[in-house]
Amino acid sequence: MKRFHKKWLWAMCVAAVFLLAPAVYAAPIDINSADAKTLDKELTGVGPKLAQAIVDYRAKNGPFKSVEDLAKVKGIHKSTIEKNRANLTVGSKSTSAAQKQ
């Protein structure tokens, strides 16, 4: 009986890894090209209204030069940027490359 539990536990762990892998390896979100639906879905703390505000700000003011520029959008706080920093990019640059400029 103990052997059965180990195999079952092992199978559950393997299944969890495969189910969670897409979330861990998700591609970064380009804040200069993502639509509101993508921003809403992929960013923590950003709902439909904030996602649309990001798109509207970008349309009115041009592309973001850095991830930190998101703070210029009304309703986006630095804490929201920090929560999502690992998943954000500006164009083809990663957030670390954007910070070095």
PDB file of N, CA and C in Angstrom:
ATOM      1  N   MET A   1       0.818  -1.197   0.000  1.00  0.00           N
ATOM      2  CA  MET A   1       0.000   0.000   0.000  1.00  0.00           C
ATOM      3  C   MET A   1       0.863   1.262   0.000  1.00  0.00           C
ATOM      4  N   LYS A   2       1.957   1.253   0.736  1.00  0.00           N
ATOM      5  CA  LYS A   2       2.836   2.405   0.813  1.00  0.00           C
ATOM      6  C   LYS A   2       3.456   2.709  -0.554  1.00  0.00           C
ATOM      7  N   ARG A   3       3.768   1.671  -1.287  1.00  0.00           N
ATOM      8  CA  ARG A   3       4.348   1.837  -2.613  1.00  0.00           C
ATOM      9  C   ARG A   3       3.371   2.549  -3.557  1.00  0.00           C
ATOM     10  N   PHE A   4       2.096   2.196  -3.442  1.00  0.00           N
ATOM     11  CA  PHE A   4       1.072   2.835  -4.256  1.00  0.00           C
ATOM     12  C   PHE A   4       1.016   4.332  -3.971  1.00  0.00           C
ATOM     13  N   HIS A   5       1.091   4.746  -2.717  1.00  0.00           N
ATOM     14  CA  HIS A   5       1.035   6.152  -2.343  1.00  0.00           C
ATOM     15  C   HIS A   5       2.216   6.926  -2.916  1.00  0.00           C
ATOM     16  N   LYS A   6       3.401   6.333  -2.912  1.00  0.00           N
ATOM     17  CA  LYS A   6       4.578   7.004  -3.455  1.00  0.00           C
ATOM     18  C   LYS A   6       4.424   7.229  -4.953  1.00  0.00           C
ATOM     19  N   LYS A   7       3.917   6.228  -5.656  1.00  0.00           N
ATOM     20  CA  LYS A   7       3.722   6.373  -7.100  1.00  0.00           C
ATOM     21  C   LYS A   7       2.658   7.431  -7.394  1.00  0.00           C
ATOM     22  N   TRP A   8       1.610   7.433  -6.606  1.00  0.00           N
ATOM     23  CA  TRP A   8       0.541   8.404  -6.799  1.00  0.00           C
ATOM     24  C   TRP A   8       1.057   9.811  -6.525  1.00  0.00           C
ATOM     25  N   LEU A   9       1.809   9.977  -5.443  1.00  0.00           N
ATOM     26  CA  LEU A   9       2.375  11.274  -5.102  1.00  0.00           C
ATOM     27  C   LEU A   9       3.330  11.749  -6.193  1.00  0.00           C
ATOM     28  N   TRP A  10       4.156  10.858  -6.695  1.00  0.00           N
ATOM     29  CA  TRP A  10       5.086  11.193  -7.767  1.00  0.00           C
ATOM     30  C   TRP A  10       4.330  11.640  -9.023  1.00  0.00           C
ATOM     31  N   ALA A  11       3.288  10.929  -9.361  1.00  0.00           N
ATOM     32  CA  ALA A  11       2.489  11.264 -10.543  1.00  0.00           C
ATOM     33  C   ALA A  11       1.835  12.641 -10.382  1.00  0.00           C
ATOM     34  N   MET A  12       1.376  12.952  -9.198  1.00  0.00           N
ATOM     35  CA  MET A  12       0.757  14.252  -8.943  1.00  0.00           C
ATOM     36  C   MET A  12       1.792  15.377  -9.059  1.00  0.00           C
ATOM     37  N   CYS A  13       2.989  15.147  -8.570  1.00  0.00           N
ATOM     38  CA  CYS A  13       4.055  16.159  -8.668  1.00  0.00           C
ATOM     39  C   CYS A  13       4.419  16.426 -10.123  1.00  0.00           C
ATOM     40  N   VAL A  14       4.550  15.376 -10.899  1.00  0.00           N
ATOM     41  CA  VAL A  14       4.880  15.527 -12.318  1.00  0.00           C
ATOM     42  C   VAL A  14       3.757  16.282 -13.037  1.00  0.00           C
ATOM     43  N   ALA A  15       2.523  15.946 -12.737  1.00  0.00           N
ATOM     44  CA  ALA A  15       1.390  16.636 -13.355  1.00  0.00           C
ATOM     45  C   ALA A  15       1.388  18.111 -12.979  1.00  0.00           C
ATOM     46  N   ALA A  16       1.672  18.423 -11.735  1.00  0.00           N
ATOM     47  CA  ALA A  16       1.704  19.822 -11.289  1.00  0.00           C
ATOM     48  C   ALA A  16       2.777  20.608 -12.027  1.00  0.00           C
ATOM     49  N   VAL A  17       3.939  19.996 -12.229  1.00  0.00           N
ATOM     50  CA  VAL A  17       5.024  20.673 -12.947  1.00  0.00           C
ATOM     51  C   VAL A  17       4.586  21.015 -14.362  1.00  0.00           C
ATOM     52  N   PHE A  18       3.942  20.089 -15.041  1.00  0.00           N
ATOM     53  CA  PHE A  18       3.509  20.344 -16.411  1.00  0.00           C
ATOM     54  C   PHE A  18       2.386  21.370 -16.470  1.00  0.00           C
ATOM     55  N   LEU A  19       1.526  21.396 -15.468  1.00  0.00           N
ATOM     56  CA  LEU A  19       0.440  22.368 -15.461  1.00  0.00           C
ATOM     57  C   LEU A  19       0.930  23.770 -15.127  1.00  0.00           C
ATOM     58  N   LEU A  20       1.937  23.874 -14.281  1.00  0.00           N
ATOM     59  CA  LEU A  20       2.432  25.177 -13.859  1.00  0.00           C
ATOM     60  C   LEU A  20       3.533  25.719 -14.764  1.00  0.00           C
ATOM     61  N   ALA A  21       4.129  24.891 -15.571  1.00  0.00           N
ATOM     62  CA  ALA A  21       5.242  25.306 -16.423  1.00  0.00           C
ATOM     63  C   ALA A  21       4.901  26.497 -17.318  1.00  0.00           C
ATOM     64  N   PRO A  22       3.745  26.549 -17.964  1.00  0.00           N
ATOM     65  CA  PRO A  22       3.454  27.711 -18.816  1.00  0.00           C
ATOM     66  C   PRO A  22       3.446  29.021 -18.032  1.00  0.00           C
ATOM     67  N   ALA A  23       2.981  29.012 -16.802  1.00  0.00           N
ATOM     68  CA  ALA A  23       2.952  30.231 -15.995  1.00  0.00           C
ATOM     69  C   ALA A  23       4.356  30.687 -15.637  1.00  0.00           C
ATOM     70  N   VAL A  24       5.226  29.747 -15.376  1.00  0.00           N
ATOM     71  CA  VAL A  24       6.592  30.083 -14.990  1.00  0.00           C
ATOM     72  C   VAL A  24       7.388  30.579 -16.193  1.00  0.00           C
ATOM     73  N   TYR A  25       7.153  30.002 -17.343  1.00  0.00           N
ATOM     74  CA  TYR A  25       7.921  30.329 -18.534  1.00  0.00           C
ATOM     75  C   TYR A  25       7.163  31.212 -19.512  1.00  0.00           C
ATOM     76  N   ALA A  26       6.193  31.960 -19.018  1.00  0.00           N
ATOM     77  CA  ALA A  26       5.427  32.836 -19.899  1.00  0.00           C
ATOM     78  C   ALA A  26       6.338  33.928 -20.457  1.00  0.00           C
ATOM     79  N   ALA A  27       6.094  34.284 -21.690  1.00  0.00           N
ATOM     80  CA  ALA A  27       6.894  35.321 -22.336  1.00  0.00           C
ATOM     81  C   ALA A  27       6.589  36.673 -21.708  1.00  0.00           C
ATOM     82  N   PRO A  28       7.576  37.555 -21.657  1.00  0.00           N
ATOM     83  CA  PRO A  28       7.333  38.895 -21.117  1.00  0.00           C
ATOM     84  C   PRO A  28       6.289  39.653 -21.936  1.00  0.00           C
ATOM     85  N   ILE A  29       5.599  40.550 -21.281  1.00  0.00           N
ATOM     86  CA  ILE A  29       4.573  41.361 -21.930  1.00  0.00           C
ATOM     87  C   ILE A  29       5.216  42.673 -22.380  1.00  0.00           C
ATOM     88  N   ASP A  30       5.115  42.964 -23.663  1.00  0.00           N
ATOM     89  CA  ASP A  30       5.628  44.220 -24.206  1.00  0.00           C
ATOM     90  C   ASP A  30       4.557  45.288 -23.981  1.00  0.00           C
ATOM     91  N   ILE A  31       4.831  46.219 -23.081  1.00  0.00           N
ATOM     92  CA  ILE A  31       3.829  47.232 -22.744  1.00  0.00           C
ATOM     93  C   ILE A  31       3.603  48.235 -23.874  1.00  0.00           C
ATOM     94  N   ASN A  32       4.428  48.196 -24.896  1.00  0.00           N
ATOM     95  CA  ASN A  32       4.240  49.087 -26.042  1.00  0.00           C
ATOM     96  C   ASN A  32       3.418  48.463 -27.159  1.00  0.00           C
ATOM     97  N   SER A  33       3.136  47.181 -27.057  1.00  0.00           N
ATOM     98  CA  SER A  33       2.356  46.562 -28.132  1.00  0.00           C
ATOM     99  C   SER A  33       1.181  45.714 -27.630  1.00  0.00           C
ATOM    100  N   ALA A  34       1.152  45.385 -26.360  1.00  0.00           N
ATOM    101  CA  ALA A  34       0.076  44.537 -25.836  1.00  0.00           C
ATOM    102  C   ALA A  34      -1.254  45.282 -25.852  1.00  0.00           C
ATOM    103  N   ASP A  35      -2.307  44.564 -26.179  1.00  0.00           N
ATOM    104  CA  ASP A  35      -3.631  45.166 -26.142  1.00  0.00           C
ATOM    105  C   ASP A  35      -4.193  45.110 -24.719  1.00  0.00           C
ATOM    106  N   ALA A  36      -5.302  45.777 -24.498  1.00  0.00           N
ATOM    107  CA  ALA A  36      -5.890  45.868 -23.161  1.00  0.00           C
ATOM    108  C   ALA A  36      -6.266  44.486 -22.616  1.00  0.00           C
ATOM    109  N   LYS A  37      -6.754  43.624 -23.468  1.00  0.00           N
ATOM    110  CA  LYS A  37      -7.163  42.285 -23.024  1.00  0.00           C
ATOM    111  C   LYS A  37      -5.948  41.506 -22.493  1.00  0.00           C
ATOM    112  N   THR A  38      -4.827  41.598 -23.181  1.00  0.00           N
ATOM    113  CA  THR A  38      -3.607  40.917 -22.756  1.00  0.00           C
ATOM    114  C   THR A  38      -3.088  41.503 -21.450  1.00  0.00           C
ATOM    115  N   LEU A  39      -3.058  42.813 -21.346  1.00  0.00           N
ATOM    116  CA  LEU A  39      -2.587  43.460 -20.124  1.00  0.00           C
ATOM    117  C   LEU A  39      -3.460  43.062 -18.935  1.00  0.00           C
ATOM    118  N   ASP A  40      -4.757  43.053 -19.138  1.00  0.00           N
ATOM    119  CA  ASP A  40      -5.698  42.666 -18.084  1.00  0.00           C
ATOM    120  C   ASP A  40      -5.462  41.236 -17.631  1.00  0.00           C
ATOM    121  N   LYS A  41      -5.270  40.357 -18.592  1.00  0.00           N
ATOM    122  CA  LYS A  41      -5.122  38.928 -18.301  1.00  0.00           C
ATOM    123  C   LYS A  41      -3.769  38.600 -17.658  1.00  0.00           C
ATOM    124  N   GLU A  42      -2.712  39.218 -18.115  1.00  0.00           N
ATOM    125  CA  GLU A  42      -1.359  38.807 -17.740  1.00  0.00           C
ATOM    126  C   GLU A  42      -0.742  39.564 -16.568  1.00  0.00           C
ATOM    127  N   LEU A  43      -1.220  40.756 -16.264  1.00  0.00           N
ATOM    128  CA  LEU A  43      -0.579  41.560 -15.233  1.00  0.00           C
ATOM    129  C   LEU A  43      -1.335  41.494 -13.906  1.00  0.00           C
ATOM    130  N   THR A  44      -0.600  41.284 -12.835  1.00  0.00           N
ATOM    131  CA  THR A  44      -1.164  41.232 -11.495  1.00  0.00           C
ATOM    132  C   THR A  44      -1.543  42.644 -11.055  1.00  0.00           C
ATOM    133  N   GLY A  45      -2.767  42.801 -10.553  1.00  0.00           N
ATOM    134  CA  GLY A  45      -3.210  44.095 -10.057  1.00  0.00           C
ATOM    135  C   GLY A  45      -3.699  45.042 -11.123  1.00  0.00           C
ATOM    136  N   VAL A  46      -3.829  44.553 -12.348  1.00  0.00           N
ATOM    137  CA  VAL A  46      -4.311  45.377 -13.462  1.00  0.00           C
ATOM    138  C   VAL A  46      -5.585  44.738 -14.002  1.00  0.00           C
ATOM    139  N   GLY A  47      -6.686  45.448 -13.837  1.00  0.00           N
ATOM    140  CA  GLY A  47      -7.967  44.974 -14.353  1.00  0.00           C
ATOM    141  C   GLY A  47      -8.262  45.606 -15.695  1.00  0.00           C
ATOM    142  N   PRO A  48      -9.471  45.419 -16.188  1.00  0.00           N
ATOM    143  CA  PRO A  48      -9.826  45.932 -17.510  1.00  0.00           C
ATOM    144  C   PRO A  48      -9.698  47.455 -17.646  1.00  0.00           C
ATOM    145  N   LYS A  49     -10.088  48.199 -16.612  1.00  0.00           N
ATOM    146  CA  LYS A  49     -10.028  49.671 -16.691  1.00  0.00           C
ATOM    147  C   LYS A  49      -8.583  50.166 -16.737  1.00  0.00           C
ATOM    148  N   LEU A  50      -7.726  49.617 -15.875  1.00  0.00           N
ATOM    149  CA  LEU A  50      -6.313  50.028 -15.891  1.00  0.00           C
ATOM    150  C   LEU A  50      -5.627  49.587 -17.171  1.00  0.00           C
ATOM    151  N   ALA A  51      -5.975  48.405 -17.649  1.00  0.00           N
ATOM    152  CA  ALA A  51      -5.390  47.926 -18.905  1.00  0.00           C
ATOM    153  C   ALA A  51      -5.746  48.878 -20.042  1.00  0.00           C
ATOM    154  N   GLN A  52      -6.991  49.315 -20.085  1.00  0.00           N
ATOM    155  CA  GLN A  52      -7.412  50.252 -21.127  1.00  0.00           C
ATOM    156  C   GLN A  52      -6.738  51.609 -20.935  1.00  0.00           C
ATOM    157  N   ALA A  53      -6.530  52.010 -19.681  1.00  0.00           N
ATOM    158  CA  ALA A  53      -5.843  53.280 -19.409  1.00  0.00           C
ATOM    159  C   ALA A  53      -4.401  53.243 -19.916  1.00  0.00           C
ATOM    160  N   ILE A  54      -3.749  52.079 -19.797  1.00  0.00           N
ATOM    161  CA  ILE A  54      -2.386  51.924 -20.316  1.00  0.00           C
ATOM    162  C   ILE A  54      -2.385  52.094 -21.829  1.00  0.00           C
ATOM    163  N   VAL A  55      -3.302  51.437 -22.498  1.00  0.00           N
ATOM    164  CA  VAL A  55      -3.394  51.514 -23.963  1.00  0.00           C
ATOM    165  C   VAL A  55      -3.718  52.946 -24.394  1.00  0.00           C
ATOM    166  N   ASP A  56      -4.644  53.602 -23.692  1.00  0.00           N
ATOM    167  CA  ASP A  56      -5.014  54.975 -24.029  1.00  0.00           C
ATOM    168  C   ASP A  56      -3.841  55.937 -23.817  1.00  0.00           C
ATOM    169  N   TYR A  57      -3.123  55.772 -22.717  1.00  0.00           N
ATOM    170  CA  TYR A  57      -1.966  56.622 -22.438  1.00  0.00           C
ATOM    171  C   TYR A  57      -0.922  56.463 -23.540  1.00  0.00           C
ATOM    172  N   ARG A  58      -0.678  55.231 -23.917  1.00  0.00           N
ATOM    173  CA  ARG A  58       0.308  54.937 -24.966  1.00  0.00           C
ATOM    174  C   ARG A  58      -0.107  55.558 -26.303  1.00  0.00           C
ATOM    175  N   ALA A  59      -1.399  55.498 -26.614  1.00  0.00           N
ATOM    176  CA  ALA A  59      -1.904  56.074 -27.871  1.00  0.00           C
ATOM    177  C   ALA A  59      -1.765  57.593 -27.870  1.00  0.00           C
ATOM    178  N   LYS A  60      -1.984  58.206 -26.722  1.00  0.00           N
ATOM    179  CA  LYS A  60      -1.935  59.663 -26.623  1.00  0.00           C
ATOM    180  C   LYS A  60      -0.503  60.200 -26.525  1.00  0.00           C
ATOM    181  N   ASN A  61       0.371  59.482 -25.807  1.00  0.00           N
ATOM    182  CA  ASN A  61       1.703  59.994 -25.488  1.00  0.00           C
ATOM    183  C   ASN A  61       2.860  59.293 -26.193  1.00  0.00           C
ATOM    184  N   GLY A  62       2.559  58.281 -26.957  1.00  0.00           N
ATOM    185  CA  GLY A  62       3.615  57.534 -27.629  1.00  0.00           C
ATOM    186  C   GLY A  62       4.106  56.377 -26.778  1.00  0.00           C
ATOM    187  N   PRO A  63       5.051  55.626 -27.298  1.00  0.00           N
ATOM    188  CA  PRO A  63       5.507  54.420 -26.594  1.00  0.00           C
ATOM    189  C   PRO A  63       6.224  54.745 -25.285  1.00  0.00           C
ATOM    190  N   PHE A  64       6.134  53.792 -24.362  1.00  0.00           N
ATOM    191  CA  PHE A  64       6.851  53.907 -23.102  1.00  0.00           C
ATOM    192  C   PHE A  64       8.341  53.727 -23.374  1.00  0.00           C
ATOM    193  N   LYS A  65       9.162  54.529 -22.729  1.00  0.00           N
ATOM    194  CA  LYS A  65      10.612  54.412 -22.892  1.00  0.00           C
ATOM    195  C   LYS A  65      11.208  53.434 -21.892  1.00  0.00           C
ATOM    196  N   SER A  66      10.524  53.253 -20.755  1.00  0.00           N
ATOM    197  CA  SER A  66      10.975  52.309 -19.734  1.00  0.00           C
ATOM    198  C   SER A  66       9.756  51.746 -19.013  1.00  0.00           C
ATOM    199  N   VAL A  67       9.970  50.672 -18.312  1.00  0.00           N
ATOM    200  CA  VAL A  67       8.893  50.063 -17.540  1.00  0.00           C
ATOM    201  C   VAL A  67       8.391  51.049 -16.476  1.00  0.00           C
ATOM    202  N   GLU A  68       9.304  51.835 -15.914  1.00  0.00           N
ATOM    203  CA  GLU A  68       8.943  52.801 -14.891  1.00  0.00           C
ATOM    204  C   GLU A  68       7.950  53.846 -15.405  1.00  0.00           C
ATOM    205  N   ASP A  69       7.939  54.088 -16.712  1.00  0.00           N
ATOM    206  CA  ASP A  69       7.001  55.041 -17.299  1.00  0.00           C
ATOM    207  C   ASP A  69       5.545  54.632 -17.082  1.00  0.00           C
ATOM    208  N   LEU A  70       5.306  53.384 -16.766  1.00  0.00           N
ATOM    209  CA  LEU A  70       3.934  52.952 -16.476  1.00  0.00           C
ATOM    210  C   LEU A  70       3.342  53.736 -15.311  1.00  0.00           C
ATOM    211  N   ALA A  71       4.189  54.223 -14.407  1.00  0.00           N
ATOM    212  CA  ALA A  71       3.719  54.995 -13.251  1.00  0.00           C
ATOM    213  C   ALA A  71       3.074  56.316 -13.687  1.00  0.00           C
ATOM    214  N   LYS A  72       3.303  56.746 -14.920  1.00  0.00           N
ATOM    215  CA  LYS A  72       2.688  57.965 -15.439  1.00  0.00           C
ATOM    216  C   LYS A  72       1.207  57.765 -15.751  1.00  0.00           C
ATOM    217  N   VAL A  73       0.792  56.490 -15.838  1.00  0.00           N
ATOM    218  CA  VAL A  73      -0.611  56.176 -16.112  1.00  0.00           C
ATOM    219  C   VAL A  73      -1.382  56.287 -14.800  1.00  0.00           C
ATOM    220  N   LYS A  74      -2.433  57.093 -14.800  1.00  0.00           N
ATOM    221  CA  LYS A  74      -3.236  57.284 -13.595  1.00  0.00           C
ATOM    222  C   LYS A  74      -3.780  55.928 -13.120  1.00  0.00           C
ATOM    223  N   GLY A  75      -3.502  55.608 -11.857  1.00  0.00           N
ATOM    224  CA  GLY A  75      -3.978  54.355 -11.274  1.00  0.00           C
ATOM    225  C   GLY A  75      -2.917  53.268 -11.205  1.00  0.00           C
ATOM    226  N   ILE A  76      -1.801  53.454 -11.911  1.00  0.00           N
ATOM    227  CA  ILE A  76      -0.701  52.487 -11.847  1.00  0.00           C
ATOM    228  C   ILE A  76       0.300  52.991 -10.808  1.00  0.00           C
ATOM    229  N   HIS A  77       0.504  52.195  -9.784  1.00  0.00           N
ATOM    230  CA  HIS A  77       1.422  52.563  -8.712  1.00  0.00           C
ATOM    231  C   HIS A  77       2.732  51.795  -8.857  1.00  0.00           C
ATOM    232  N   LYS A  78       3.756  52.287  -8.206  1.00  0.00           N
ATOM    233  CA  LYS A  78       5.062  51.623  -8.259  1.00  0.00           C
ATOM    234  C   LYS A  78       4.972  50.186  -7.767  1.00  0.00           C
ATOM    235  N   SER A  79       4.102  49.929  -6.794  1.00  0.00           N
ATOM    236  CA  SER A  79       3.953  48.564  -6.287  1.00  0.00           C
ATOM    237  C   SER A  79       3.420  47.626  -7.370  1.00  0.00           C
ATOM    238  N   THR A  80       2.544  48.129  -8.213  1.00  0.00           N
ATOM    239  CA  THR A  80       2.023  47.321  -9.328  1.00  0.00           C
ATOM    240  C   THR A  80       3.140  47.010 -10.312  1.00  0.00           C
ATOM    241  N   ILE A  81       3.980  47.998 -10.570  1.00  0.00           N
ATOM    242  CA  ILE A  81       5.111  47.781 -11.477  1.00  0.00           C
ATOM    243  C   ILE A  81       6.053  46.732 -10.889  1.00  0.00           C
ATOM    244  N   GLU A  82       6.345  46.839  -9.610  1.00  0.00           N
ATOM    245  CA  GLU A  82       7.258  45.888  -8.965  1.00  0.00           C
ATOM    246  C   GLU A  82       6.708  44.463  -8.980  1.00  0.00           C
ATOM    247  N   LYS A  83       5.410  44.314  -8.764  1.00  0.00           N
ATOM    248  CA  LYS A  83       4.786  42.984  -8.787  1.00  0.00           C
ATOM    249  C   LYS A  83       4.933  42.317 -10.152  1.00  0.00           C
ATOM    250  N   ASN A  84       4.975  43.129 -11.191  1.00  0.00           N
ATOM    251  CA  ASN A  84       4.984  42.610 -12.555  1.00  0.00           C
ATOM    252  C   ASN A  84       6.314  42.760 -13.271  1.00  0.00           C
ATOM    253  N   ARG A  85       7.298  43.350 -12.626  1.00  0.00           N
ATOM    254  CA  ARG A  85       8.558  43.708 -13.279  1.00  0.00           C
ATOM    255  C   ARG A  85       9.176  42.554 -14.079  1.00  0.00           C
ATOM    256  N   ALA A  86       9.197  41.364 -13.537  1.00  0.00           N
ATOM    257  CA  ALA A  86       9.827  40.225 -14.217  1.00  0.00           C
ATOM    258  C   ALA A  86       9.115  39.858 -15.515  1.00  0.00           C
ATOM    259  N   ASN A  87       7.858  40.270 -15.662  1.00  0.00           N
ATOM    260  CA  ASN A  87       7.077  39.919 -16.848  1.00  0.00           C
ATOM    261  C   ASN A  87       6.880  41.083 -17.805  1.00  0.00           C
ATOM    262  N   LEU A  88       7.582  42.190 -17.589  1.00  0.00           N
ATOM    263  CA  LEU A  88       7.395  43.373 -18.426  1.00  0.00           C
ATOM    264  C   LEU A  88       8.604  43.637 -19.306  1.00  0.00           C
ATOM    265  N   THR A  89       8.326  44.135 -20.477  1.00  0.00           N
ATOM    266  CA  THR A  89       9.374  44.548 -21.397  1.00  0.00           C
ATOM    267  C   THR A  89       8.889  45.767 -22.171  1.00  0.00           C
ATOM    268  N   VAL A  90       9.835  46.537 -22.684  1.00  0.00           N
ATOM    269  CA  VAL A  90       9.537  47.700 -23.514  1.00  0.00           C
ATOM    270  C   VAL A  90      10.162  47.418 -24.871  1.00  0.00           C
ATOM    271  N   GLY A  91       9.347  47.109 -25.837  1.00  0.00           N
ATOM    272  CA  GLY A  91       9.876  46.713 -27.139  1.00  0.00           C
ATOM    273  C   GLY A  91      10.639  45.409 -27.008  1.00  0.00           C
ATOM    274  N   SER A  92      11.796  45.340 -27.628  1.00  0.00           N
ATOM    275  CA  SER A  92      12.576  44.108 -27.566  1.00  0.00           C
ATOM    276  C   SER A  92      13.512  44.087 -26.371  1.00  0.00           C
ATOM    277  N   LYS A  93      13.509  45.160 -25.579  1.00  0.00           N
ATOM    278  CA  LYS A  93      14.387  45.232 -24.413  1.00  0.00           C
ATOM    279  C   LYS A  93      13.743  44.555 -23.214  1.00  0.00           C
ATOM    280  N   SER A  94      14.531  43.881 -22.419  1.00  0.00           N
ATOM    281  CA  SER A  94      14.033  43.359 -21.161  1.00  0.00           C
ATOM    282  C   SER A  94      14.042  44.484 -20.140  1.00  0.00           C
ATOM    283  N   THR A  95      13.413  44.279 -18.985  1.00  0.00           N
ATOM    284  CA  THR A  95      13.372  45.329 -17.976  1.00  0.00           C
ATOM    285  C   THR A  95      14.754  45.656 -17.462  1.00  0.00           C
ATOM    286  N   SER A  96      15.634  44.689 -17.383  1.00  0.00           N
ATOM    287  CA  SER A  96      16.996  44.963 -16.911  1.00  0.00           C
ATOM    288  C   SER A  96      17.755  45.814 -17.917  1.00  0.00           C
ATOM    289  N   ALA A  97      17.535  45.574 -19.203  1.00  0.00           N
ATOM    290  CA  ALA A  97      18.189  46.386 -20.228  1.00  0.00           C
ATOM    291  C   ALA A  97      17.635  47.806 -20.199  1.00  0.00           C
ATOM    292  N   ALA A  98      16.349  47.932 -19.963  1.00  0.00           N
ATOM    293  CA  ALA A  98      15.722  49.246 -19.915  1.00  0.00           C
ATOM    294  C   ALA A  98      16.247  50.048 -18.720  1.00  0.00           C
ATOM    295  N   GLN A  99      16.539  49.373 -17.619  1.00  0.00           N
ATOM    296  CA  GLN A  99      17.027  50.058 -16.432  1.00  0.00           C
ATOM    297  C   GLN A  99      18.423  50.589 -16.634  1.00  0.00           C
ATOM    298  N   LYS A 100      19.243  49.951 -17.453  1.00  0.00           N
ATOM    299  CA  LYS A 100      20.622  50.359 -17.651  1.00  0.00           C
ATOM    300  C   LYS A 100      20.741  51.623 -18.471  1.00  0.00           C
ATOM    301  N   GLN A 101      19.689  51.978 -19.209  1.00  0.00           N
ATOM    302  CA  GLN A 101      19.742  53.162 -20.077  1.00  0.00           C
ATOM    303  C   GLN A 101      19.567  54.432 -19.278  1.00  0.00           C
TER     304      GLN A 101
END
